[in-house]
């Protein structure tokens, strides 16, 4: 095969069009067309093109087998999961592992549950559990480090987004209601997680994601808004 035939074959197997390949590599689509049509027999971007298509640069350049390194598979650009080359690695840590420069620890109130529906509400002393967050993530969300705490949510009224047992993170620095956002709040001695909407006359619409639970309309003065829920973590049991 010629260079253009090898390129076209690799593009077909990986699901790339001339446009998607050009975008992934950072070159003009006309330049990719020229390579595919045989108007050019190589490119300064050859290594980048080979990486995107999941083939060996040597094979793409002159046909030297094998086409792909062992274990490498073509990557379809329409996939919602990034290619394996971008997965990175996982760092193991425990409570004794020093914090990195980009990490902070926030309290995890394991025994304080925010009721999501007919949930439970257990309020005990803080027991020292902590979770780690990236400082960059919190900065991007506009959250002050000292305002964050985590706890479980209990009940099914916020399913499917917040199943029973989901860990949530609350920003105590954000108490102003932004319509359609989720908040942790106190009401009649019960901690709750709900979506809130501000209404005229200092009233609030309290909404659940689970449509089996009807909307509530309550005076703002009856709610103690603890903070906005900006993060949650779900395990599929």
C-alpha atoms as a PDB file:
ATOM      1  CA  UNK A   1       0.000   0.000   0.000  1.00  0.00           C
ATOM      2  CA  UNK A   2       0.995   3.593  -0.524  1.00  0.00           C
ATOM      3  CA  UNK A   3       1.176   6.108   2.283  1.00  0.00           C
ATOM      4  CA  UNK A   4      -2.237   7.528   1.361  1.00  0.00           C
ATOM      5  CA  UNK A   5      -3.779   4.034   1.308  1.00  0.00           C
ATOM      6  CA  UNK A   6      -2.359   3.229   4.736  1.00  0.00           C
ATOM      7  CA  UNK A   7      -3.618   6.537   6.090  1.00  0.00           C
ATOM      8  CA  UNK A   8      -7.085   5.982   4.636  1.00  0.00           C
ATOM      9  CA  UNK A   9      -7.187   2.457   6.081  1.00  0.00           C
ATOM     10  CA  UNK A  10      -6.186   3.655   9.552  1.00  0.00           C
ATOM     11  CA  UNK A  11      -8.754   6.451   9.421  1.00  0.00           C
ATOM     12  CA  UNK A  12     -11.501   4.032   8.393  1.00  0.00           C
ATOM     13  CA  UNK A  13     -10.717   1.562  11.186  1.00  0.00           C
ATOM     14  CA  UNK A  14     -10.620   4.304  13.807  1.00  0.00           C
ATOM     15  CA  UNK A  15     -13.775   6.062  12.581  1.00  0.00           C
ATOM     16  CA  UNK A  16     -12.007   9.323  11.783  1.00  0.00           C
ATOM     17  CA  UNK A  17     -13.050  11.644   8.973  1.00  0.00           C
ATOM     18  CA  UNK A  18     -10.694  14.115   7.354  1.00  0.00           C
ATOM     19  CA  UNK A  19     -12.271  16.846   9.455  1.00  0.00           C
ATOM     20  CA  UNK A  20     -12.045  15.021  12.794  1.00  0.00           C
ATOM     21  CA  UNK A  21      -8.448  13.967  12.140  1.00  0.00           C
ATOM     22  CA  UNK A  22      -7.475  17.509  11.210  1.00  0.00           C
ATOM     23  CA  UNK A  23      -9.047  18.826  14.409  1.00  0.00           C
ATOM     24  CA  UNK A  24      -7.407  16.142  16.583  1.00  0.00           C
ATOM     25  CA  UNK A  25      -3.947  16.750  15.146  1.00  0.00           C
ATOM     26  CA  UNK A  26      -4.176  20.520  14.799  1.00  0.00           C
ATOM     27  CA  UNK A  27      -3.811  20.929  11.049  1.00  0.00           C
ATOM     28  CA  UNK A  28      -5.947  22.209   8.186  1.00  0.00           C
ATOM     29  CA  UNK A  29      -8.498  19.813   6.693  1.00  0.00           C
ATOM     30  CA  UNK A  30      -7.113  20.633   3.259  1.00  0.00           C
ATOM     31  CA  UNK A  31      -3.746  19.284   4.410  1.00  0.00           C
ATOM     32  CA  UNK A  32      -5.335  16.004   5.477  1.00  0.00           C
ATOM     33  CA  UNK A  33      -7.167  15.812   2.143  1.00  0.00           C
ATOM     34  CA  UNK A  34      -3.859  16.243   0.369  1.00  0.00           C
ATOM     35  CA  UNK A  35      -2.362  13.332   2.328  1.00  0.00           C
ATOM     36  CA  UNK A  36      -5.353  11.056   1.712  1.00  0.00           C
ATOM     37  CA  UNK A  37      -5.563  11.886  -1.999  1.00  0.00           C
ATOM     38  CA  UNK A  38      -1.899  11.122  -2.579  1.00  0.00           C
ATOM     39  CA  UNK A  39      -0.845  14.698  -3.148  1.00  0.00           C
ATOM     40  CA  UNK A  40       1.744  14.367  -0.355  1.00  0.00           C
ATOM     41  CA  UNK A  41       3.722  11.348   0.827  1.00  0.00           C
ATOM     42  CA  UNK A  42       4.372  12.455   4.372  1.00  0.00           C
ATOM     43  CA  UNK A  43       3.848  15.150   6.979  1.00  0.00           C
ATOM     44  CA  UNK A  44       5.694  16.793   9.825  1.00  0.00           C
ATOM     45  CA  UNK A  45       2.641  15.759  11.857  1.00  0.00           C
ATOM     46  CA  UNK A  46       3.126  12.066  11.036  1.00  0.00           C
ATOM     47  CA  UNK A  47       3.855  11.015  14.653  1.00  0.00           C
ATOM     48  CA  UNK A  48       0.830  12.947  15.927  1.00  0.00           C
ATOM     49  CA  UNK A  49      -1.386  11.461  13.205  1.00  0.00           C
ATOM     50  CA  UNK A  50      -0.200   7.946  14.049  1.00  0.00           C
ATOM     51  CA  UNK A  51      -0.917   8.509  17.744  1.00  0.00           C
ATOM     52  CA  UNK A  52      -4.444   9.727  17.068  1.00  0.00           C
ATOM     53  CA  UNK A  53      -5.149   6.773  14.754  1.00  0.00           C
ATOM     54  CA  UNK A  54      -3.573   4.240  17.124  1.00  0.00           C
ATOM     55  CA  UNK A  55      -0.949   2.981  14.638  1.00  0.00           C
ATOM     56  CA  UNK A  56       2.842   2.836  14.675  1.00  0.00           C
ATOM     57  CA  UNK A  57       4.512   5.815  12.959  1.00  0.00           C
ATOM     58  CA  UNK A  58       6.860   3.380  11.159  1.00  0.00           C
ATOM     59  CA  UNK A  59       3.926   1.517   9.642  1.00  0.00           C
ATOM     60  CA  UNK A  60       2.201   4.720   8.558  1.00  0.00           C
ATOM     61  CA  UNK A  61       5.416   6.100   7.092  1.00  0.00           C
ATOM     62  CA  UNK A  62       6.752   3.141   5.100  1.00  0.00           C
ATOM     63  CA  UNK A  63       4.584   0.103   5.848  1.00  0.00           C
ATOM     64  CA  UNK A  64       6.907  -1.537   8.399  1.00  0.00           C
ATOM     65  CA  UNK A  65       4.841  -4.131  10.257  1.00  0.00           C
ATOM     66  CA  UNK A  66       3.118  -4.447  12.623  1.00  0.00           C
ATOM     67  CA  UNK A  67       0.426  -1.853  12.018  1.00  0.00           C
ATOM     68  CA  UNK A  68      -0.156  -1.331  15.738  1.00  0.00           C
ATOM     69  CA  UNK A  69       1.856  -1.887  18.858  1.00  0.00           C
ATOM     70  CA  UNK A  70       0.747  -4.848  20.959  1.00  0.00           C
ATOM     71  CA  UNK A  71      -2.519  -4.164  22.760  1.00  0.00           C
ATOM     72  CA  UNK A  72      -3.231  -0.884  20.968  1.00  0.00           C
ATOM     73  CA  UNK A  73      -6.704  -0.626  19.440  1.00  0.00           C
ATOM     74  CA  UNK A  74      -8.169   1.997  17.099  1.00  0.00           C
ATOM     75  CA  UNK A  75      -9.998   4.798  18.910  1.00  0.00           C
ATOM     76  CA  UNK A  76     -13.300   6.084  17.545  1.00  0.00           C
ATOM     77  CA  UNK A  77     -13.582   9.888  17.879  1.00  0.00           C
ATOM     78  CA  UNK A  78     -17.289   9.559  18.745  1.00  0.00           C
ATOM     79  CA  UNK A  79     -16.482   7.590  21.896  1.00  0.00           C
ATOM     80  CA  UNK A  80     -17.504   9.250  25.169  1.00  0.00           C
ATOM     81  CA  UNK A  81     -14.486   7.700  26.922  1.00  0.00           C
ATOM     82  CA  UNK A  82     -11.015   9.131  26.153  1.00  0.00           C
ATOM     83  CA  UNK A  83      -8.366   6.852  24.608  1.00  0.00           C
ATOM     84  CA  UNK A  84      -6.293   4.657  26.905  1.00  0.00           C
ATOM     85  CA  UNK A  85      -3.245   6.841  26.242  1.00  0.00           C
ATOM     86  CA  UNK A  86      -5.000   9.647  28.141  1.00  0.00           C
ATOM     87  CA  UNK A  87      -6.196   7.589  31.104  1.00  0.00           C
ATOM     88  CA  UNK A  88      -3.161   8.336  33.234  1.00  0.00           C
ATOM     89  CA  UNK A  89      -2.418   6.472  36.448  1.00  0.00           C
ATOM     90  CA  UNK A  90      -4.002   6.099  39.878  1.00  0.00           C
ATOM     91  CA  UNK A  91      -2.133   7.120  43.018  1.00  0.00           C
ATOM     92  CA  UNK A  92      -2.881   5.049  46.094  1.00  0.00           C
ATOM     93  CA  UNK A  93      -3.218   6.947  49.365  1.00  0.00           C
ATOM     94  CA  UNK A  94      -4.543   6.583  52.875  1.00  0.00           C
ATOM     95  CA  UNK A  95      -4.958   8.823  55.903  1.00  0.00           C
ATOM     96  CA  UNK A  96      -1.184   8.815  56.464  1.00  0.00           C
ATOM     97  CA  UNK A  97      -0.290   9.920  52.921  1.00  0.00           C
ATOM     98  CA  UNK A  98       0.899  13.567  52.923  1.00  0.00           C
ATOM     99  CA  UNK A  99      -1.250  16.045  51.048  1.00  0.00           C
ATOM    100  CA  UNK A 100       0.071  17.219  47.698  1.00  0.00           C
ATOM    101  CA  UNK A 101       0.366  20.944  46.982  1.00  0.00           C
ATOM    102  CA  UNK A 102      -2.943  20.851  45.070  1.00  0.00           C
ATOM    103  CA  UNK A 103      -4.959  18.983  47.723  1.00  0.00           C
ATOM    104  CA  UNK A 104      -6.942  19.829  50.810  1.00  0.00           C
ATOM    105  CA  UNK A 105      -8.864  17.667  53.259  1.00  0.00           C
ATOM    106  CA  UNK A 106     -12.472  18.512  54.132  1.00  0.00           C
ATOM    107  CA  UNK A 107     -14.554  17.043  56.977  1.00  0.00           C
ATOM    108  CA  UNK A 108     -16.847  14.130  56.161  1.00  0.00           C
ATOM    109  CA  UNK A 109     -19.712  14.047  58.649  1.00  0.00           C
ATOM    110  CA  UNK A 110     -20.444  10.369  58.223  1.00  0.00           C
ATOM    111  CA  UNK A 111     -23.083  10.278  60.957  1.00  0.00           C
ATOM    112  CA  UNK A 112     -25.006  13.344  59.774  1.00  0.00           C
ATOM    113  CA  UNK A 113     -27.373  12.491  56.934  1.00  0.00           C
ATOM    114  CA  UNK A 114     -29.249  14.921  54.706  1.00  0.00           C
ATOM    115  CA  UNK A 115     -32.715  13.488  54.158  1.00  0.00           C
ATOM    116  CA  UNK A 116     -33.686  13.055  50.507  1.00  0.00           C
ATOM    117  CA  UNK A 117     -37.310  12.109  50.938  1.00  0.00           C
ATOM    118  CA  UNK A 118     -38.188   9.834  53.816  1.00  0.00           C
ATOM    119  CA  UNK A 119     -34.559   9.719  54.846  1.00  0.00           C
ATOM    120  CA  UNK A 120     -32.888   9.489  58.184  1.00  0.00           C
ATOM    121  CA  UNK A 121     -31.389  12.291  60.207  1.00  0.00           C
ATOM    122  CA  UNK A 122     -28.653  11.317  62.629  1.00  0.00           C
ATOM    123  CA  UNK A 123     -26.716  14.155  64.220  1.00  0.00           C
ATOM    124  CA  UNK A 124     -23.655  13.126  66.231  1.00  0.00           C
ATOM    125  CA  UNK A 125     -20.285  14.612  67.014  1.00  0.00           C
ATOM    126  CA  UNK A 126     -17.747  14.852  64.199  1.00  0.00           C
ATOM    127  CA  UNK A 127     -15.654  11.688  64.193  1.00  0.00           C
ATOM    128  CA  UNK A 128     -12.603  12.818  62.248  1.00  0.00           C
ATOM    129  CA  UNK A 129     -13.357  11.373  58.805  1.00  0.00           C
ATOM    130  CA  UNK A 130     -12.007  13.425  55.902  1.00  0.00           C
ATOM    131  CA  UNK A 131     -12.168  13.448  52.114  1.00  0.00           C
ATOM    132  CA  UNK A 132      -9.611  14.940  49.750  1.00  0.00           C
ATOM    133  CA  UNK A 133     -10.366  17.512  47.075  1.00  0.00           C
ATOM    134  CA  UNK A 134      -8.275  19.227  44.443  1.00  0.00           C
ATOM    135  CA  UNK A 135      -7.736  22.905  45.191  1.00  0.00           C
ATOM    136  CA  UNK A 136      -7.957  23.588  41.450  1.00  0.00           C
ATOM    137  CA  UNK A 137     -11.408  21.985  41.318  1.00  0.00           C
ATOM    138  CA  UNK A 138     -12.700  24.073  44.208  1.00  0.00           C
ATOM    139  CA  UNK A 139     -11.227  27.256  42.752  1.00  0.00           C
ATOM    140  CA  UNK A 140     -12.900  26.509  39.426  1.00  0.00           C
ATOM    141  CA  UNK A 141     -16.222  26.179  41.255  1.00  0.00           C
ATOM    142  CA  UNK A 142     -15.603  29.415  43.165  1.00  0.00           C
ATOM    143  CA  UNK A 143     -15.694  27.590  46.506  1.00  0.00           C
ATOM    144  CA  UNK A 144     -13.706  28.742  49.540  1.00  0.00           C
ATOM    145  CA  UNK A 145     -11.805  25.790  51.006  1.00  0.00           C
ATOM    146  CA  UNK A 146     -12.911  26.456  54.579  1.00  0.00           C
ATOM    147  CA  UNK A 147     -16.604  26.393  53.599  1.00  0.00           C
ATOM    148  CA  UNK A 148     -16.703  22.779  52.374  1.00  0.00           C
ATOM    149  CA  UNK A 149     -17.997  19.742  54.200  1.00  0.00           C
ATOM    150  CA  UNK A 150     -19.267  16.343  53.038  1.00  0.00           C
ATOM    151  CA  UNK A 151     -21.976  14.029  54.333  1.00  0.00           C
ATOM    152  CA  UNK A 152     -24.284  11.250  53.071  1.00  0.00           C
ATOM    153  CA  UNK A 153     -27.754  11.792  51.615  1.00  0.00           C
ATOM    154  CA  UNK A 154     -30.496   9.365  52.633  1.00  0.00           C
ATOM    155  CA  UNK A 155     -33.758   8.479  50.909  1.00  0.00           C
ATOM    156  CA  UNK A 156     -35.011   8.232  47.332  1.00  0.00           C
ATOM    157  CA  UNK A 157     -36.644  11.598  46.590  1.00  0.00           C
ATOM    158  CA  UNK A 158     -33.584  12.840  44.668  1.00  0.00           C
ATOM    159  CA  UNK A 159     -33.138   9.722  42.554  1.00  0.00           C
ATOM    160  CA  UNK A 160     -31.833   9.015  40.010  1.00  0.00           C
ATOM    161  CA  UNK A 161     -29.276  11.801  40.449  1.00  0.00           C
ATOM    162  CA  UNK A 162     -28.769  11.321  44.203  1.00  0.00           C
ATOM    163  CA  UNK A 163     -29.471   7.707  45.206  1.00  0.00           C
ATOM    164  CA  UNK A 164     -29.724   6.677  48.845  1.00  0.00           C
ATOM    165  CA  UNK A 165     -26.270   6.743  50.454  1.00  0.00           C
ATOM    166  CA  UNK A 166     -24.693   9.204  48.002  1.00  0.00           C
ATOM    167  CA  UNK A 167     -21.886  11.347  49.414  1.00  0.00           C
ATOM    168  CA  UNK A 168     -22.456  15.047  48.757  1.00  0.00           C
ATOM    169  CA  UNK A 169     -20.260  18.116  49.195  1.00  0.00           C
ATOM    170  CA  UNK A 170     -21.785  21.368  50.463  1.00  0.00           C
ATOM    171  CA  UNK A 171     -20.492  24.916  50.043  1.00  0.00           C
ATOM    172  CA  UNK A 172     -21.584  26.808  53.166  1.00  0.00           C
ATOM    173  CA  UNK A 173     -20.507  30.060  51.538  1.00  0.00           C
ATOM    174  CA  UNK A 174     -23.305  29.929  48.949  1.00  0.00           C
ATOM    175  CA  UNK A 175     -26.708  30.405  50.524  1.00  0.00           C
ATOM    176  CA  UNK A 176     -28.384  32.658  47.956  1.00  0.00           C
ATOM    177  CA  UNK A 177     -30.915  30.673  45.950  1.00  0.00           C
ATOM    178  CA  UNK A 178     -30.074  30.179  42.278  1.00  0.00           C
ATOM    179  CA  UNK A 179     -33.114  28.670  40.619  1.00  0.00           C
ATOM    180  CA  UNK A 180     -32.718  24.990  39.753  1.00  0.00           C
ATOM    181  CA  UNK A 181     -29.638  24.416  41.921  1.00  0.00           C
ATOM    182  CA  UNK A 182     -29.437  21.863  44.719  1.00  0.00           C
ATOM    183  CA  UNK A 183     -29.097  22.929  48.358  1.00  0.00           C
ATOM    184  CA  UNK A 184     -28.670  21.390  51.789  1.00  0.00           C
ATOM    185  CA  UNK A 185     -31.115  22.954  54.210  1.00  0.00           C
ATOM    186  CA  UNK A 186     -32.676  22.593  57.605  1.00  0.00           C
ATOM    187  CA  UNK A 187     -36.443  22.488  57.975  1.00  0.00           C
ATOM    188  CA  UNK A 188     -38.440  21.619  61.089  1.00  0.00           C
ATOM    189  CA  UNK A 189     -35.399  19.977  62.684  1.00  0.00           C
ATOM    190  CA  UNK A 190     -34.653  17.830  59.609  1.00  0.00           C
ATOM    191  CA  UNK A 191     -31.658  18.174  57.288  1.00  0.00           C
ATOM    192  CA  UNK A 192     -32.746  17.934  53.651  1.00  0.00           C
ATOM    193  CA  UNK A 193     -31.316  18.008  50.111  1.00  0.00           C
ATOM    194  CA  UNK A 194     -33.601  19.630  47.521  1.00  0.00           C
ATOM    195  CA  UNK A 195     -33.685  21.728  44.374  1.00  0.00           C
ATOM    196  CA  UNK A 196     -34.850  25.266  45.189  1.00  0.00           C
ATOM    197  CA  UNK A 197     -36.585  28.048  43.253  1.00  0.00           C
ATOM    198  CA  UNK A 198     -37.155  31.554  44.602  1.00  0.00           C
ATOM    199  CA  UNK A 199     -40.771  32.748  44.368  1.00  0.00           C
ATOM    200  CA  UNK A 200     -42.400  36.150  44.874  1.00  0.00           C
ATOM    201  CA  UNK A 201     -43.450  37.049  48.404  1.00  0.00           C
ATOM    202  CA  UNK A 202     -40.341  35.524  50.002  1.00  0.00           C
ATOM    203  CA  UNK A 203     -41.464  32.000  49.255  1.00  0.00           C
ATOM    204  CA  UNK A 204     -39.493  29.030  47.947  1.00  0.00           C
ATOM    205  CA  UNK A 205     -40.451  26.132  45.719  1.00  0.00           C
ATOM    206  CA  UNK A 206     -38.864  22.933  47.033  1.00  0.00           C
ATOM    207  CA  UNK A 207     -38.507  20.277  44.351  1.00  0.00           C
ATOM    208  CA  UNK A 208     -37.351  16.647  44.233  1.00  0.00           C
ATOM    209  CA  UNK A 209     -35.866  14.897  41.203  1.00  0.00           C
ATOM    210  CA  UNK A 210     -38.097  11.896  41.868  1.00  0.00           C
ATOM    211  CA  UNK A 211     -41.446  12.840  40.324  1.00  0.00           C
ATOM    212  CA  UNK A 212     -43.295  10.732  42.895  1.00  0.00           C
ATOM    213  CA  UNK A 213     -42.637  13.539  45.380  1.00  0.00           C
ATOM    214  CA  UNK A 214     -44.771  16.641  44.729  1.00  0.00           C
ATOM    215  CA  UNK A 215     -43.370  20.170  44.832  1.00  0.00           C
ATOM    216  CA  UNK A 216     -43.633  22.074  48.088  1.00  0.00           C
ATOM    217  CA  UNK A 217     -44.104  25.804  48.536  1.00  0.00           C
ATOM    218  CA  UNK A 218     -42.788  27.145  51.829  1.00  0.00           C
ATOM    219  CA  UNK A 219     -41.920  30.559  53.305  1.00  0.00           C
ATOM    220  CA  UNK A 220     -38.237  31.395  53.031  1.00  0.00           C
ATOM    221  CA  UNK A 221     -38.153  32.168  56.751  1.00  0.00           C
ATOM    222  CA  UNK A 222     -38.939  28.517  57.538  1.00  0.00           C
ATOM    223  CA  UNK A 223     -35.809  27.300  55.777  1.00  0.00           C
ATOM    224  CA  UNK A 224     -32.279  27.326  57.122  1.00  0.00           C
ATOM    225  CA  UNK A 225     -30.214  27.121  53.937  1.00  0.00           C
ATOM    226  CA  UNK A 226     -26.939  25.481  54.920  1.00  0.00           C
ATOM    227  CA  UNK A 227     -25.275  25.768  51.522  1.00  0.00           C
ATOM    228  CA  UNK A 228     -25.258  24.711  47.899  1.00  0.00           C
ATOM    229  CA  UNK A 229     -24.581  21.073  46.972  1.00  0.00           C
ATOM    230  CA  UNK A 230     -21.893  21.357  44.279  1.00  0.00           C
ATOM    231  CA  UNK A 231     -20.483  17.795  44.131  1.00  0.00           C
ATOM    232  CA  UNK A 232     -21.682  14.255  44.695  1.00  0.00           C
ATOM    233  CA  UNK A 233     -20.262  10.776  44.321  1.00  0.00           C
ATOM    234  CA  UNK A 234     -22.360   7.728  43.455  1.00  0.00           C
ATOM    235  CA  UNK A 235     -21.582   4.016  43.581  1.00  0.00           C
ATOM    236  CA  UNK A 236     -23.747   1.625  41.548  1.00  0.00           C
ATOM    237  CA  UNK A 237     -24.410  -1.168  44.041  1.00  0.00           C
END
